[in-house]
Amino acid sequence: MDFDETVTKKRSLGALRKTPKTKDRSPDSTGILKLERHTFDAIAKQFRETDADTIDCCIAGWRNTDSKGERYVTVEISPKYVARRHEPAQSSDLADFI
């Protein structure tokens, strides 16, 4: 087991809060996302391995209310799961070597 497997990784979380609209095209909500290095590294790895200009990421949201009674959405970004290609398993049966 390597170091990465023994450490619980933090999620890349942020919050969206309703903002006053100053223009028709102004966003309904704004906020900050704390992007964890391991999330960035996983997304960067997908860019490198695919040589793509765009990749899909997962985003999730949870409705919340803060201590002042103001509603907001907690958001999480994560890399999209990409199944790894599995190499055929090497047999460890002694009969296969004989």
PDB file of N, CA and C in Angstrom:
ATOM      1  N   MET A   1       0.857  -1.181   0.000  1.00  0.00           N
ATOM      2  CA  MET A   1       0.000   0.000   0.000  1.00  0.00           C
ATOM      3  C   MET A   1       0.894   1.232   0.000  1.00  0.00           C
ATOM      4  N   ASP A   2       0.611   2.162  -0.902  1.00  0.00           N
ATOM      5  CA  ASP A   2       1.430   3.363  -0.927  1.00  0.00           C
ATOM      6  C   ASP A   2       0.809   4.455  -0.063  1.00  0.00           C
ATOM      7  N   PHE A   3       1.517   5.556   0.077  1.00  0.00           N
ATOM      8  CA  PHE A   3       1.111   6.645   0.966  1.00  0.00           C
ATOM      9  C   PHE A   3      -0.287   7.147   0.647  1.00  0.00           C
ATOM     10  N   ASP A   4      -0.601   7.315  -0.660  1.00  0.00           N
ATOM     11  CA  ASP A   4      -1.902   7.851  -1.057  1.00  0.00           C
ATOM     12  C   ASP A   4      -3.063   6.995  -0.559  1.00  0.00           C
ATOM     13  N   GLU A   5      -2.863   5.683  -0.458  1.00  0.00           N
ATOM     14  CA  GLU A   5      -3.943   4.802  -0.047  1.00  0.00           C
ATOM     15  C   GLU A   5      -4.181   4.829   1.457  1.00  0.00           C
ATOM     16  N   THR A   6      -3.204   5.300   2.232  1.00  0.00           N
ATOM     17  CA  THR A   6      -3.336   5.283   3.686  1.00  0.00           C
ATOM     18  C   THR A   6      -3.884   6.588   4.240  1.00  0.00           C
ATOM     19  N   VAL A   7      -3.946   7.623   3.421  1.00  0.00           N
ATOM     20  CA  VAL A   7      -4.388   8.942   3.876  1.00  0.00           C
ATOM     21  C   VAL A   7      -5.806   9.194   3.374  1.00  0.00           C
ATOM     22  N   THR A   8      -6.687   9.627   4.266  1.00  0.00           N
ATOM     23  CA  THR A   8      -8.024  10.007   3.846  1.00  0.00           C
ATOM     24  C   THR A   8      -7.930  11.351   3.138  1.00  0.00           C
ATOM     25  N   LYS A   9      -8.401  11.376   1.901  1.00  0.00           N
ATOM     26  CA  LYS A   9      -8.297  12.597   1.111  1.00  0.00           C
ATOM     27  C   LYS A   9      -9.503  13.484   1.351  1.00  0.00           C
ATOM     28  N   LYS A  10      -9.232  14.780   1.452  1.00  0.00           N
ATOM     29  CA  LYS A  10     -10.309  15.751   1.590  1.00  0.00           C
ATOM     30  C   LYS A  10     -10.991  15.909   0.244  1.00  0.00           C
ATOM     31  N   ARG A  11     -12.262  16.249   0.286  1.00  0.00           N
ATOM     32  CA  ARG A  11     -13.007  16.485  -0.942  1.00  0.00           C
ATOM     33  C   ARG A  11     -12.824  17.932  -1.371  1.00  0.00           C
ATOM     34  N   SER A  12     -12.923  18.177  -2.662  1.00  0.00           N
ATOM     35  CA  SER A  12     -12.832  19.539  -3.212  1.00  0.00           C
ATOM     36  C   SER A  12     -14.212  20.165  -3.142  1.00  0.00           C
ATOM     37  N   LEU A  13     -14.444  20.929  -2.067  1.00  0.00           N
ATOM     38  CA  LEU A  13     -15.763  21.488  -1.791  1.00  0.00           C
ATOM     39  C   LEU A  13     -15.772  23.008  -1.870  1.00  0.00           C
ATOM     40  N   GLY A  14     -16.930  23.545  -2.157  1.00  0.00           N
ATOM     41  CA  GLY A  14     -17.132  24.985  -2.170  1.00  0.00           C
ATOM     42  C   GLY A  14     -18.574  25.280  -1.848  1.00  0.00           C
ATOM     43  N   ALA A  15     -18.965  26.527  -1.958  1.00  0.00           N
ATOM     44  CA  ALA A  15     -20.343  26.918  -1.669  1.00  0.00           C
ATOM     45  C   ALA A  15     -20.790  27.967  -2.672  1.00  0.00           C
ATOM     46  N   LEU A  16     -22.045  27.832  -3.110  1.00  0.00           N
ATOM     47  CA  LEU A  16     -22.673  28.830  -3.969  1.00  0.00           C
ATOM     48  C   LEU A  16     -23.729  29.552  -3.167  1.00  0.00           C
ATOM     49  N   ARG A  17     -23.704  30.866  -3.224  1.00  0.00           N
ATOM     50  CA  ARG A  17     -24.702  31.683  -2.540  1.00  0.00           C
ATOM     51  C   ARG A  17     -25.373  32.598  -3.553  1.00  0.00           C
ATOM     52  N   LYS A  18     -26.651  32.861  -3.318  1.00  0.00           N
ATOM     53  CA  LYS A  18     -27.404  33.739  -4.198  1.00  0.00           C
ATOM     54  C   LYS A  18     -26.765  35.120  -4.175  1.00  0.00           C
ATOM     55  N   THR A  19     -26.656  35.720  -5.361  1.00  0.00           N
ATOM     56  CA  THR A  19     -26.078  37.059  -5.461  1.00  0.00           C
ATOM     57  C   THR A  19     -27.077  37.987  -6.146  1.00  0.00           C
ATOM     58  N   PRO A  20     -27.034  39.261  -5.806  1.00  0.00           N
ATOM     59  CA  PRO A  20     -27.945  40.198  -6.486  1.00  0.00           C
ATOM     60  C   PRO A  20     -27.560  40.326  -7.955  1.00  0.00           C
ATOM     61  N   LYS A  21     -28.546  40.355  -8.806  1.00  0.00           N
ATOM     62  CA  LYS A  21     -28.293  40.495 -10.243  1.00  0.00           C
ATOM     63  C   LYS A  21     -28.103  41.972 -10.559  1.00  0.00           C
ATOM     64  N   THR A  22     -26.957  42.298 -11.122  1.00  0.00           N
ATOM     65  CA  THR A  22     -26.678  43.674 -11.516  1.00  0.00           C
ATOM     66  C   THR A  22     -26.898  43.881 -13.010  1.00  0.00           C
ATOM     67  N   LYS A  23     -26.872  42.772 -13.755  1.00  0.00           N
ATOM     68  CA  LYS A  23     -27.112  42.793 -15.204  1.00  0.00           C
ATOM     69  C   LYS A  23     -27.897  41.534 -15.554  1.00  0.00           C
ATOM     70  N   ASP A  24     -28.529  41.535 -16.714  1.00  0.00           N
ATOM     71  CA  ASP A  24     -29.298  40.359 -17.140  1.00  0.00           C
ATOM     72  C   ASP A  24     -28.448  39.098 -17.182  1.00  0.00           C
ATOM     73  N   ARG A  25     -27.191  39.260 -17.552  1.00  0.00           N
ATOM     74  CA  ARG A  25     -26.320  38.091 -17.697  1.00  0.00           C
ATOM     75  C   ARG A  25     -25.523  37.778 -16.428  1.00  0.00           C
ATOM     76  N   SER A  26     -25.746  38.498 -15.361  1.00  0.00           N
ATOM     77  CA  SER A  26     -25.045  38.228 -14.098  1.00  0.00           C
ATOM     78  C   SER A  26     -25.453  36.851 -13.579  1.00  0.00           C
ATOM     79  N   PRO A  27     -24.533  36.159 -12.913  1.00  0.00           N
ATOM     80  CA  PRO A  27     -24.882  34.833 -12.380  1.00  0.00           C
ATOM     81  C   PRO A  27     -25.899  34.939 -11.248  1.00  0.00           C
ATOM     82  N   ASP A  28     -26.671  33.885 -11.072  1.00  0.00           N
ATOM     83  CA  ASP A  28     -27.625  33.823  -9.970  1.00  0.00           C
ATOM     84  C   ASP A  28     -26.911  33.531  -8.653  1.00  0.00           C
ATOM     85  N   SER A  29     -25.802  32.804  -8.742  1.00  0.00           N
ATOM     86  CA  SER A  29     -25.035  32.411  -7.555  1.00  0.00           C
ATOM     87  C   SER A  29     -23.555  32.523  -7.855  1.00  0.00           C
ATOM     88  N   THR A  30     -22.787  32.837  -6.819  1.00  0.00           N
ATOM     89  CA  THR A  30     -21.328  32.833  -6.934  1.00  0.00           C
ATOM     90  C   THR A  30     -20.759  32.192  -5.677  1.00  0.00           C
ATOM     91  N   GLY A  31     -19.496  31.828  -5.728  1.00  0.00           N
ATOM     92  CA  GLY A  31     -18.865  31.226  -4.569  1.00  0.00           C
ATOM     93  C   GLY A  31     -17.422  30.884  -4.836  1.00  0.00           C
ATOM     94  N   ILE A  32     -16.865  30.131  -3.918  1.00  0.00           N
ATOM     95  CA  ILE A  32     -15.469  29.720  -3.965  1.00  0.00           C
ATOM     96  C   ILE A  32     -15.428  28.196  -3.827  1.00  0.00           C
ATOM     97  N   LEU A  33     -14.533  27.567  -4.580  1.00  0.00           N
ATOM     98  CA  LEU A  33     -14.296  26.130  -4.481  1.00  0.00           C
ATOM     99  C   LEU A  33     -12.880  25.918  -3.981  1.00  0.00           C
ATOM    100  N   LYS A  34     -12.709  25.121  -2.948  1.00  0.00           N
ATOM    101  CA  LYS A  34     -11.372  24.771  -2.463  1.00  0.00           C
ATOM    102  C   LYS A  34     -10.950  23.498  -3.191  1.00  0.00           C
ATOM    103  N   LEU A  35     -10.096  23.654  -4.192  1.00  0.00           N
ATOM    104  CA  LEU A  35      -9.656  22.548  -5.026  1.00  0.00           C
ATOM    105  C   LEU A  35      -8.478  21.857  -4.364  1.00  0.00           C
ATOM    106  N   GLU A  36      -8.672  20.623  -3.968  1.00  0.00           N
ATOM    107  CA  GLU A  36      -7.605  19.840  -3.333  1.00  0.00           C
ATOM    108  C   GLU A  36      -6.608  19.379  -4.398  1.00  0.00           C
ATOM    109  N   ARG A  37      -5.359  19.284  -4.004  1.00  0.00           N
ATOM    110  CA  ARG A  37      -4.295  18.914  -4.943  1.00  0.00           C
ATOM    111  C   ARG A  37      -4.576  17.552  -5.589  1.00  0.00           C
ATOM    112  N   HIS A  38      -5.040  16.572  -4.829  1.00  0.00           N
ATOM    113  CA  HIS A  38      -5.254  15.245  -5.410  1.00  0.00           C
ATOM    114  C   HIS A  38      -6.362  15.275  -6.465  1.00  0.00           C
ATOM    115  N   THR A  39      -7.361  16.155  -6.288  1.00  0.00           N
ATOM    116  CA  THR A  39      -8.411  16.294  -7.298  1.00  0.00           C
ATOM    117  C   THR A  39      -7.821  16.930  -8.559  1.00  0.00           C
ATOM    118  N   PHE A  40      -7.050  17.990  -8.367  1.00  0.00           N
ATOM    119  CA  PHE A  40      -6.387  18.635  -9.503  1.00  0.00           C
ATOM    120  C   PHE A  40      -5.483  17.651 -10.231  1.00  0.00           C
ATOM    121  N   ASP A  41      -4.679  16.890  -9.467  1.00  0.00           N
ATOM    122  CA  ASP A  41      -3.753  15.933 -10.080  1.00  0.00           C
ATOM    123  C   ASP A  41      -4.505  14.887 -10.908  1.00  0.00           C
ATOM    124  N   ALA A  42      -5.634  14.393 -10.390  1.00  0.00           N
ATOM    125  CA  ALA A  42      -6.408  13.388 -11.125  1.00  0.00           C
ATOM    126  C   ALA A  42      -6.981  13.973 -12.414  1.00  0.00           C
ATOM    127  N   ILE A  43      -7.463  15.205 -12.345  1.00  0.00           N
ATOM    128  CA  ILE A  43      -8.006  15.860 -13.541  1.00  0.00           C
ATOM    129  C   ILE A  43      -6.876  16.146 -14.536  1.00  0.00           C
ATOM    130  N   ALA A  44      -5.737  16.632 -14.049  1.00  0.00           N
ATOM    131  CA  ALA A  44      -4.592  16.912 -14.923  1.00  0.00           C
ATOM    132  C   ALA A  44      -4.108  15.619 -15.589  1.00  0.00           C
ATOM    133  N   LYS A  45      -4.124  14.518 -14.848  1.00  0.00           N
ATOM    134  CA  LYS A  45      -3.709  13.223 -15.406  1.00  0.00           C
ATOM    135  C   LYS A  45      -4.628  12.832 -16.557  1.00  0.00           C
ATOM    136  N   GLN A  46      -5.939  13.068 -16.407  1.00  0.00           N
ATOM    137  CA  GLN A  46      -6.865  12.751 -17.491  1.00  0.00           C
ATOM    138  C   GLN A  46      -6.570  13.613 -18.718  1.00  0.00           C
ATOM    139  N   PHE A  47      -6.236  14.887 -18.519  1.00  0.00           N
ATOM    140  CA  PHE A  47      -5.864  15.732 -19.651  1.00  0.00           C
ATOM    141  C   PHE A  47      -4.622  15.182 -20.345  1.00  0.00           C
ATOM    142  N   ARG A  48      -3.603  14.826 -19.557  1.00  0.00           N
ATOM    143  CA  ARG A  48      -2.359  14.313 -20.143  1.00  0.00           C
ATOM    144  C   ARG A  48      -2.593  13.004 -20.897  1.00  0.00           C
ATOM    145  N   GLU A  49      -3.336  12.097 -20.304  1.00  0.00           N
ATOM    146  CA  GLU A  49      -3.518  10.772 -20.897  1.00  0.00           C
ATOM    147  C   GLU A  49      -4.407  10.790 -22.133  1.00  0.00           C
ATOM    148  N   THR A  50      -5.299  11.753 -22.241  1.00  0.00           N
ATOM    149  CA  THR A  50      -6.205  11.794 -23.390  1.00  0.00           C
ATOM    150  C   THR A  50      -5.773  12.819 -24.429  1.00  0.00           C
ATOM    151  N   ASP A  51      -4.900  13.739 -24.049  1.00  0.00           N
ATOM    152  CA  ASP A  51      -4.481  14.835 -24.918  1.00  0.00           C
ATOM    153  C   ASP A  51      -5.700  15.606 -25.430  1.00  0.00           C
ATOM    154  N   ALA A  52      -6.743  15.673 -24.598  1.00  0.00           N
ATOM    155  CA  ALA A  52      -7.986  16.348 -24.974  1.00  0.00           C
ATOM    156  C   ALA A  52      -7.934  17.817 -24.571  1.00  0.00           C
ATOM    157  N   ASP A  53      -8.719  18.624 -25.239  1.00  0.00           N
ATOM    158  CA  ASP A  53      -8.872  20.025 -24.861  1.00  0.00           C
ATOM    159  C   ASP A  53      -9.922  20.186 -23.774  1.00  0.00           C
ATOM    160  N   THR A  54     -10.823  19.204 -23.656  1.00  0.00           N
ATOM    161  CA  THR A  54     -11.905  19.236 -22.682  1.00  0.00           C
ATOM    162  C   THR A  54     -12.082  17.841 -22.097  1.00  0.00           C
ATOM    163  N   ILE A  55     -12.295  17.769 -20.794  1.00  0.00           N
ATOM    164  CA  ILE A  55     -12.676  16.501 -20.176  1.00  0.00           C
ATOM    165  C   ILE A  55     -13.910  16.746 -19.314  1.00  0.00           C
ATOM    166  N   ASP A  56     -14.616  15.685 -19.018  1.00  0.00           N
ATOM    167  CA  ASP A  56     -15.781  15.784 -18.144  1.00  0.00           C
ATOM    168  C   ASP A  56     -15.343  15.631 -16.698  1.00  0.00           C
ATOM    169  N   CYS A  57     -15.895  16.465 -15.817  1.00  0.00           N
ATOM    170  CA  CYS A  57     -15.700  16.346 -14.372  1.00  0.00           C
ATOM    171  C   CYS A  57     -17.079  16.148 -13.757  1.00  0.00           C
ATOM    172  N   CYS A  58     -17.102  15.568 -12.597  1.00  0.00           N
ATOM    173  CA  CYS A  58     -18.363  15.404 -11.880  1.00  0.00           C
ATOM    174  C   CYS A  58     -18.560  16.604 -10.961  1.00  0.00           C
ATOM    175  N   ILE A  59     -19.799  17.023 -10.828  1.00  0.00           N
ATOM    176  CA  ILE A  59     -20.129  18.088  -9.887  1.00  0.00           C
ATOM    177  C   ILE A  59     -21.384  17.651  -9.136  1.00  0.00           C
ATOM    178  N   ALA A  60     -21.373  17.882  -7.846  1.00  0.00           N
ATOM    179  CA  ALA A  60     -22.511  17.514  -7.000  1.00  0.00           C
ATOM    180  C   ALA A  60     -22.873  18.708  -6.140  1.00  0.00           C
ATOM    181  N   GLY A  61     -24.121  18.769  -5.700  1.00  0.00           N
ATOM    182  CA  GLY A  61     -24.562  19.887  -4.873  1.00  0.00           C
ATOM    183  C   GLY A  61     -25.524  19.445  -3.785  1.00  0.00           C
ATOM    184  N   TRP A  62     -25.419  20.101  -2.642  1.00  0.00           N
ATOM    185  CA  TRP A  62     -26.287  19.840  -1.496  1.00  0.00           C
ATOM    186  C   TRP A  62     -26.843  21.170  -0.995  1.00  0.00           C
ATOM    187  N   ARG A  63     -28.151  21.247  -0.807  1.00  0.00           N
ATOM    188  CA  ARG A  63     -28.768  22.466  -0.263  1.00  0.00           C
ATOM    189  C   ARG A  63     -28.522  22.515   1.242  1.00  0.00           C
ATOM    190  N   ASN A  64     -28.175  23.692   1.734  1.00  0.00           N
ATOM    191  CA  ASN A  64     -27.876  23.904   3.152  1.00  0.00           C
ATOM    192  C   ASN A  64     -28.430  25.237   3.617  1.00  0.00           C
ATOM    193  N   THR A  65     -28.459  25.421   4.933  1.00  0.00           N
ATOM    194  CA  THR A  65     -28.819  26.689   5.547  1.00  0.00           C
ATOM    195  C   THR A  65     -27.759  27.010   6.588  1.00  0.00           C
ATOM    196  N   ASP A  66     -27.223  28.243   6.544  1.00  0.00           N
ATOM    197  CA  ASP A  66     -26.187  28.606   7.512  1.00  0.00           C
ATOM    198  C   ASP A  66     -26.805  29.066   8.831  1.00  0.00           C
ATOM    199  N   SER A  67     -25.955  29.444   9.777  1.00  0.00           N
ATOM    200  CA  SER A  67     -26.417  29.829  11.115  1.00  0.00           C
ATOM    201  C   SER A  67     -27.282  31.088  11.109  1.00  0.00           C
ATOM    202  N   LYS A  68     -27.210  31.885  10.046  1.00  0.00           N
ATOM    203  CA  LYS A  68     -28.031  33.092   9.923  1.00  0.00           C
ATOM    204  C   LYS A  68     -29.361  32.804   9.231  1.00  0.00           C
ATOM    205  N   GLY A  69     -29.564  31.538   8.845  1.00  0.00           N
ATOM    206  CA  GLY A  69     -30.785  31.166   8.150  1.00  0.00           C
ATOM    207  C   GLY A  69     -30.727  31.383   6.649  1.00  0.00           C
ATOM    208  N   GLU A  70     -29.545  31.763   6.139  1.00  0.00           N
ATOM    209  CA  GLU A  70     -29.394  31.981   4.702  1.00  0.00           C
ATOM    210  C   GLU A  70     -29.121  30.651   4.003  1.00  0.00           C
ATOM    211  N   ARG A  71     -29.815  30.454   2.892  1.00  0.00           N
ATOM    212  CA  ARG A  71     -29.647  29.213   2.150  1.00  0.00           C
ATOM    213  C   ARG A  71     -28.482  29.319   1.172  1.00  0.00           C
ATOM    214  N   TYR A  72     -27.795  28.200   0.988  1.00  0.00           N
ATOM    215  CA  TYR A  72     -26.702  28.114   0.026  1.00  0.00           C
ATOM    216  C   TYR A  72     -26.576  26.675  -0.438  1.00  0.00           C
ATOM    217  N   VAL A  73     -25.773  26.458  -1.473  1.00  0.00           N
ATOM    218  CA  VAL A  73     -25.535  25.119  -2.005  1.00  0.00           C
ATOM    219  C   VAL A  73     -24.063  24.786  -1.822  1.00  0.00           C
ATOM    220  N   THR A  74     -23.777  23.671  -1.153  1.00  0.00           N
ATOM    221  CA  THR A  74     -22.412  23.158  -1.088  1.00  0.00           C
ATOM    222  C   THR A  74     -22.180  22.380  -2.373  1.00  0.00           C
ATOM    223  N   VAL A  75     -21.050  22.637  -3.029  1.00  0.00           N
ATOM    224  CA  VAL A  75     -20.737  21.967  -4.284  1.00  0.00           C
ATOM    225  C   VAL A  75     -19.430  21.195  -4.146  1.00  0.00           C
ATOM    226  N   GLU A  76     -19.339  20.117  -4.898  1.00  0.00           N
ATOM    227  CA  GLU A  76     -18.116  19.313  -4.934  1.00  0.00           C
ATOM    228  C   GLU A  76     -17.768  19.037  -6.384  1.00  0.00           C
ATOM    229  N   ILE A  77     -16.492  19.161  -6.721  1.00  0.00           N
ATOM    230  CA  ILE A  77     -15.999  18.776  -8.031  1.00  0.00           C
ATOM    231  C   ILE A  77     -15.094  17.571  -7.845  1.00  0.00           C
ATOM    232  N   SER A  78     -15.200  16.636  -8.770  1.00  0.00           N
ATOM    233  CA  SER A  78     -14.342  15.456  -8.713  1.00  0.00           C
ATOM    234  C   SER A  78     -14.083  14.984 -10.137  1.00  0.00           C
ATOM    235  N   PRO A  79     -12.977  14.267 -10.322  1.00  0.00           N
ATOM    236  CA  PRO A  79     -12.712  13.756 -11.668  1.00  0.00           C
ATOM    237  C   PRO A  79     -13.760  12.703 -12.030  1.00  0.00           C
ATOM    238  N   LYS A  80     -14.084  12.625 -13.308  1.00  0.00           N
ATOM    239  CA  LYS A  80     -15.015  11.603 -13.761  1.00  0.00           C
ATOM    240  C   LYS A  80     -14.301  10.262 -13.689  1.00  0.00           C
ATOM    241  N   TYR A  81     -14.999   9.259 -13.187  1.00  0.00           N
ATOM    242  CA  TYR A  81     -14.396   7.933 -13.082  1.00  0.00           C
ATOM    243  C   TYR A  81     -14.132   7.391 -14.480  1.00  0.00           C
ATOM    244  N   VAL A  82     -12.898   6.978 -14.703  1.00  0.00           N
ATOM    245  CA  VAL A  82     -12.523   6.353 -15.966  1.00  0.00           C
ATOM    246  C   VAL A  82     -11.979   4.981 -15.622  1.00  0.00           C
ATOM    247  N   ALA A  83     -12.658   3.950 -16.113  1.00  0.00           N
ATOM    248  CA  ALA A  83     -12.223   2.574 -15.819  1.00  0.00           C
ATOM    249  C   ALA A  83     -10.858   2.337 -16.451  1.00  0.00           C
ATOM    250  N   ARG A  84     -10.000   1.709 -15.683  1.00  0.00           N
ATOM    251  CA  ARG A  84      -8.674   1.365 -16.197  1.00  0.00           C
ATOM    252  C   ARG A  84      -8.764   0.063 -16.972  1.00  0.00           C
ATOM    253  N   ARG A  85      -7.929  -0.031 -17.996  1.00  0.00           N
ATOM    254  CA  ARG A  85      -7.845  -1.289 -18.732  1.00  0.00           C
ATOM    255  C   ARG A  85      -7.123  -2.290 -17.865  1.00  0.00           C
ATOM    256  N   HIS A  86      -7.662  -3.466 -17.751  1.00  0.00           N
ATOM    257  CA  HIS A  86      -7.035  -4.501 -16.933  1.00  0.00           C
ATOM    258  C   HIS A  86      -6.242  -5.445 -17.828  1.00  0.00           C
ATOM    259  N   GLU A  87      -5.016  -5.671 -17.438  1.00  0.00           N
ATOM    260  CA  GLU A  87      -4.184  -6.639 -18.144  1.00  0.00           C
ATOM    261  C   GLU A  87      -4.624  -8.031 -17.714  1.00  0.00           C
ATOM    262  N   PRO A  88      -4.476  -9.023 -18.603  1.00  0.00           N
ATOM    263  CA  PRO A  88      -4.833 -10.389 -18.191  1.00  0.00           C
ATOM    264  C   PRO A  88      -4.031 -10.796 -16.969  1.00  0.00           C
ATOM    265  N   ALA A  89      -4.695 -11.434 -16.035  1.00  0.00           N
ATOM    266  CA  ALA A  89      -4.040 -11.857 -14.806  1.00  0.00           C
ATOM    267  C   ALA A  89      -2.997 -12.918 -15.092  1.00  0.00           C
ATOM    268  N   GLN A  90      -1.844 -12.790 -14.460  1.00  0.00           N
ATOM    269  CA  GLN A  90      -0.807 -13.796 -14.585  1.00  0.00           C
ATOM    270  C   GLN A  90      -1.104 -14.930 -13.623  1.00  0.00           C
ATOM    271  N   SER A  91      -1.102 -16.116 -14.102  1.00  0.00           N
ATOM    272  CA  SER A  91      -1.396 -17.260 -13.258  1.00  0.00           C
ATOM    273  C   SER A  91      -0.214 -17.534 -12.341  1.00  0.00           C
ATOM    274  N   SER A  92      -0.516 -17.875 -11.103  1.00  0.00           N
ATOM    275  CA  SER A  92       0.551 -18.209 -10.174  1.00  0.00           C
ATOM    276  C   SER A  92       0.536 -19.710  -9.865  1.00  0.00           C
ATOM    277  N   ASP A  93      -0.224 -20.454 -10.639  1.00  0.00           N
ATOM    278  CA  ASP A  93      -0.316 -21.895 -10.436  1.00  0.00           C
ATOM    279  C   ASP A  93       0.951 -22.544 -10.965  1.00  0.00           C
ATOM    280  N   LEU A  94       1.594 -23.372 -10.171  1.00  0.00           N
ATOM    281  CA  LEU A  94       2.843 -24.026 -10.544  1.00  0.00           C
ATOM    282  C   LEU A  94       2.659 -24.881 -11.792  1.00  0.00           C
ATOM    283  N   ALA A  95       1.492 -25.474 -11.983  1.00  0.00           N
ATOM    284  CA  ALA A  95       1.252 -26.321 -13.146  1.00  0.00           C
ATOM    285  C   ALA A  95       1.381 -25.524 -14.444  1.00  0.00           C
ATOM    286  N   ASP A  96       1.065 -24.224 -14.416  1.00  0.00           N
ATOM    287  CA  ASP A  96       1.178 -23.411 -15.617  1.00  0.00           C
ATOM    288  C   ASP A  96       2.633 -23.187 -16.036  1.00  0.00           C
ATOM    289  N   PHE A  97       3.553 -23.326 -15.106  1.00  0.00           N
ATOM    290  CA  PHE A  97       4.975 -23.114 -15.410  1.00  0.00           C
ATOM    291  C   PHE A  97       5.652 -24.365 -15.920  1.00  0.00           C
ATOM    292  N   ILE A  98       5.032 -25.502 -15.712  1.00  0.00           N
ATOM    293  CA  ILE A  98       5.672 -26.773 -16.084  1.00  0.00           C
ATOM    294  C   ILE A  98       5.296 -27.181 -17.480  1.00  0.00           C
TER     295      ILE A  98
END
